[in-house]
Protein backbone atom coordinates (compact mmCIF):
# COMPACT_ATOMS: atom_id res chain seq x y z
CA UNK A 1 -8.59 -17.44 13.63
CA UNK A 2 -10.37 -14.35 14.87
CA UNK A 3 -13.93 -14.21 16.03
CA UNK A 4 -14.67 -11.72 13.25
CA UNK A 5 -14.14 -14.19 10.41
CA UNK A 6 -16.38 -13.72 7.42
CA UNK A 7 -16.32 -14.81 3.81
CA UNK A 8 -14.43 -12.30 1.65
CA UNK A 9 -15.94 -11.86 -1.81
CA UNK A 10 -13.86 -11.83 -4.96
CA UNK A 11 -14.64 -8.15 -5.44
CA UNK A 12 -13.53 -7.28 -1.89
CA UNK A 13 -10.35 -9.26 -2.40
CA UNK A 14 -9.52 -7.31 -5.58
CA UNK A 15 -10.07 -4.01 -3.79
CA UNK A 16 -7.87 -5.16 -0.92
CA UNK A 17 -5.05 -6.07 -3.32
CA UNK A 18 -5.29 -2.58 -4.83
CA UNK A 19 -4.82 -1.02 -1.38
CA UNK A 20 -2.08 -3.52 -0.50
CA UNK A 21 -0.14 -2.52 -3.61
CA UNK A 22 -0.60 1.18 -2.83
CA UNK A 23 0.76 0.79 0.70
CA UNK A 24 4.06 -0.60 -0.61
CA UNK A 25 6.55 2.03 -1.74
CA UNK A 26 8.57 -0.22 -4.08
CA UNK A 27 11.82 1.44 -2.99
CA UNK A 28 14.99 -0.08 -4.43
CA UNK A 29 17.11 -1.59 -1.68
CA UNK A 30 20.58 -0.12 -1.34
CA UNK A 31 23.15 0.34 1.47
CA UNK A 32 22.15 2.83 4.18
CA UNK A 33 23.66 4.16 7.39
CA UNK A 34 21.02 2.67 9.68
CA UNK A 35 17.94 0.45 9.57
CA UNK A 36 15.01 0.79 11.96
CA UNK A 37 12.75 -2.21 12.55
CA UNK A 38 9.29 -0.96 13.53
CA UNK A 39 7.66 -3.08 16.22
CA UNK A 40 4.32 -4.77 15.61
CA UNK A 41 2.62 -8.17 15.90
CA UNK A 42 4.65 -9.38 12.90
CA UNK A 43 7.93 -11.15 13.75
CA UNK A 44 8.62 -11.25 10.02
CA UNK A 45 9.88 -7.68 10.38
CA UNK A 46 12.76 -8.89 12.56
CA UNK A 47 13.40 -11.83 10.22
CA UNK A 48 13.70 -9.52 7.23
CA UNK A 49 15.91 -7.08 9.17
CA UNK A 50 18.30 -9.96 9.90
CA UNK A 51 18.29 -10.99 6.23
CA UNK A 52 19.12 -7.45 5.09
CA UNK A 53 21.83 -7.07 7.73
CA UNK A 54 23.48 -10.30 6.61
CA UNK A 55 23.32 -8.98 3.03
CA UNK A 56 25.44 -6.03 4.16
CA UNK A 57 22.87 -3.26 3.67
CA UNK A 58 23.58 -1.52 6.99
CA UNK A 59 25.96 -1.75 9.97
CA UNK A 60 23.51 -0.68 12.68
CA UNK A 61 19.95 -1.80 13.41
CA UNK A 62 17.47 -0.23 15.82
CA UNK A 63 14.46 -2.17 17.01
CA UNK A 64 11.72 0.06 18.37
CA UNK A 65 8.43 -0.79 20.07
CA UNK A 66 6.90 -1.39 23.47
CA UNK A 67 3.54 -3.11 23.67
CA UNK A 68 0.01 -2.66 22.43
CA UNK A 69 -3.13 -4.59 23.35
CA UNK A 70 -2.60 -6.76 20.26
CA UNK A 71 1.07 -7.58 20.96
CA UNK A 72 1.24 -7.92 24.75
CA UNK A 73 0.24 -11.58 24.67
CA UNK A 74 2.55 -12.51 21.79
CA UNK A 75 5.54 -10.42 22.92
CA UNK A 76 5.18 -10.11 26.72
CA UNK A 77 8.60 -8.45 27.12
CA UNK A 78 7.85 -5.91 24.41
CA UNK A 79 8.04 -5.89 20.63
CA UNK A 80 11.59 -4.53 20.31
CA UNK A 81 12.99 -6.96 22.89
CA UNK A 82 11.54 -9.99 21.11
CA UNK A 83 12.64 -8.64 17.74
CA UNK A 84 16.19 -8.25 19.03
CA UNK A 85 16.27 -11.78 20.43
CA UNK A 86 14.97 -13.17 17.15
CA UNK A 87 17.51 -11.25 15.06
CA UNK A 88 20.38 -12.47 17.27
CA UNK A 89 19.15 -16.05 16.80
CA UNK A 90 19.34 -15.39 13.05
CA UNK A 91 22.95 -14.27 13.21
CA UNK A 92 22.88 -10.52 13.80
CA UNK A 93 25.61 -9.60 16.35
CA UNK A 94 24.16 -8.18 19.57
CA UNK A 95 26.53 -5.21 19.37
CA UNK A 96 25.00 -4.19 16.02
CA UNK A 97 21.53 -3.77 17.56
CA UNK A 98 20.23 -0.77 19.49
CA UNK A 99 17.02 -1.11 21.50
CA UNK A 100 14.15 1.33 21.92
CA UNK A 101 11.55 -0.53 24.05
CA UNK A 102 8.97 2.18 24.80
CA UNK A 103 7.35 3.49 21.60
CA UNK A 104 3.60 2.95 21.32
CA UNK A 105 2.92 4.42 17.87
CA UNK A 106 4.72 5.08 14.59
CA UNK A 107 5.56 8.68 15.44
CA UNK A 108 7.24 7.54 18.64
CA UNK A 109 9.00 4.75 16.74
CA UNK A 110 10.68 7.42 14.61
CA UNK A 111 11.44 10.04 17.25
CA UNK A 112 12.58 7.62 19.95
CA UNK A 113 14.75 5.63 17.54
CA UNK A 114 16.40 8.88 16.48
CA UNK A 115 17.08 9.71 20.14
CA UNK A 116 18.60 6.27 20.76
CA UNK A 117 20.86 6.70 17.74
CA UNK A 118 21.92 10.17 18.87
CA UNK A 119 22.68 8.74 22.32
CA UNK A 120 25.05 6.31 20.62
CA UNK A 121 26.59 9.24 18.68
CA UNK A 122 25.14 7.94 15.41
CA UNK A 123 23.74 10.63 13.13
CA UNK A 124 22.62 8.96 9.90
CA UNK A 125 21.93 10.66 6.60
CA UNK A 126 20.20 7.59 5.11
CA UNK A 127 17.69 5.42 6.99
CA UNK A 128 15.83 2.27 5.98
CA UNK A 129 12.50 1.64 7.71
CA UNK A 130 11.57 -2.05 7.88
CA UNK A 131 7.93 -2.71 8.73
CA UNK A 132 4.83 -4.74 7.92
CA UNK A 133 4.07 -4.79 4.18
CA UNK A 134 0.93 -2.67 4.45
CA UNK A 135 2.62 -0.10 6.71
CA UNK A 136 5.34 1.13 4.35
CA UNK A 137 3.60 4.24 3.05
CA UNK A 138 2.42 5.43 6.46
CA UNK A 139 5.89 4.82 7.95
CA UNK A 140 7.49 6.75 5.10
CA UNK A 141 5.08 9.68 5.42
CA UNK A 142 5.60 9.79 9.19
CA UNK A 143 9.40 9.80 8.90
CA UNK A 144 9.36 12.50 6.22
CA UNK A 145 7.34 14.68 8.58
CA UNK A 146 9.26 14.02 11.79
CA UNK A 147 12.80 13.49 10.47
CA UNK A 148 12.97 15.55 7.27
CA UNK A 149 16.77 15.90 7.17
CA UNK A 150 17.41 12.20 6.47
CA UNK A 151 16.84 10.29 3.27
CA UNK A 152 14.23 7.65 4.06
CA UNK A 153 13.45 4.43 2.25
CA UNK A 154 11.15 1.54 3.22
CA UNK A 155 11.25 -2.23 3.00
CA UNK A 156 9.11 -5.15 4.08
CA UNK A 157 9.09 -8.89 3.59
CA UNK A 158 8.50 -9.53 -0.14
CA UNK A 159 5.22 -11.38 0.26
CA UNK A 160 2.25 -11.71 -2.05
CA UNK A 161 -1.01 -10.51 -0.52
CA UNK A 162 -2.44 -14.04 -0.40
CA UNK A 163 0.66 -15.32 1.41
CA UNK A 164 0.47 -12.54 3.97
CA UNK A 165 -3.21 -13.23 4.63
CA UNK A 166 -2.36 -16.91 5.07
CA UNK A 167 0.40 -16.05 7.57
CA UNK A 168 -2.03 -13.98 9.68
CA UNK A 169 -4.86 -16.50 9.39
CA UNK A 170 -7.72 -13.99 9.46
CA UNK A 171 -8.87 -12.43 6.17
CA UNK A 172 -11.28 -9.98 7.80
CA UNK A 173 -8.62 -8.70 10.17
CA UNK A 174 -6.10 -8.14 7.37
CA UNK A 175 -8.64 -6.17 5.33
CA UNK A 176 -9.52 -4.15 8.43
CA UNK A 177 -5.82 -3.34 8.90
CA UNK A 178 -5.34 -2.33 5.26
CA UNK A 179 -8.33 0.00 5.50
CA UNK A 180 -7.21 1.41 8.86
CA UNK A 181 -3.72 2.21 7.62
CA UNK A 182 -5.06 3.91 4.51
CA UNK A 183 -7.35 6.05 6.63
CA UNK A 184 -4.28 7.19 8.58
CA UNK A 185 -2.38 7.95 5.37
CA UNK A 186 -5.29 10.16 4.33
CA UNK A 187 -6.07 11.80 7.67
CA UNK A 188 -2.76 12.15 9.56
CA UNK A 189 -1.31 14.98 7.42
CA UNK A 190 -4.17 17.20 8.63
CA UNK A 191 -2.82 16.85 12.18
CA UNK A 192 0.84 17.27 11.32
CA UNK A 193 1.61 13.60 11.98
CA UNK A 194 2.76 12.78 8.44
CA UNK A 195 3.40 14.27 5.01
CA UNK A 196 0.66 14.31 2.39
CA UNK A 197 0.55 11.27 0.08
CA UNK A 198 -1.25 11.26 -3.24
CA UNK A 199 -4.04 8.67 -3.18
CA UNK A 200 -5.16 7.56 -6.66
CA UNK A 201 -8.90 7.67 -7.31
CA UNK A 202 -9.22 3.90 -7.71
CA UNK A 203 -7.47 3.31 -4.39
CA UNK A 204 -9.68 5.83 -2.61
CA UNK A 205 -12.79 4.26 -4.17
CA UNK A 206 -11.64 0.81 -3.03
CA UNK A 207 -11.12 2.18 0.48
CA UNK A 208 -14.54 3.83 0.67
CA UNK A 209 -16.21 0.70 -0.66
CA UNK A 210 -14.54 -1.56 1.93
CA UNK A 211 -15.52 0.85 4.69
CA UNK A 212 -19.13 0.61 3.48
CA UNK A 213 -18.77 -3.18 3.53
CA UNK A 214 -17.91 -3.06 7.24
CA UNK A 215 -14.10 -3.44 7.31
CA UNK A 216 -13.91 -0.84 10.03
CA UNK A 217 -12.46 -2.36 13.22
CA UNK A 218 -9.10 -0.55 12.76
CA UNK A 219 -10.51 2.85 11.88
CA UNK A 220 -9.83 5.84 14.13
CA UNK A 221 -12.96 7.71 15.26
């Protein structure tokens, strides 16, 4: 449990679920040329990548991610390295996995993974991004901006919001992360980091309300 634990009200929870649902793209899973597992604190990303590989959705998997202050302790050898080891334990052949162990943000995840694929003479036309559940929309918008010539879809572990919160063990932190990712969805297009995403009025109102309530630790200045 984090030090920033606080009691989440029923109203705050409802607003968080609204944002959670917005972050997920609800793309229909289908076979693609390549999948890219985006590194984070969540090993469930690697677990789901392995599940989708075993289901035959793609022949090649790239794990991308170095370290951040929040992952260095959990994944001391880097996010992508630990993801790869986990996926191999779950039955993905080592030769099916490419490694990109340096990216420190989502933009680098996309551009560096593309470079690793090109280095292996793989030039996909369809790409599946596998990430944390609340990161789908930002990942999609980033890829559309930085890799516009591929068809991008997104996937994440099919978890209910309550189950995800339980897996993290810190309600306040999860709400902070939902709010922080939505801020990036809204703001990053202005800087050329991502494509514009329509944000429904009720989602934006939920976001502004949670910011006012103090769920701000993951906001950018």
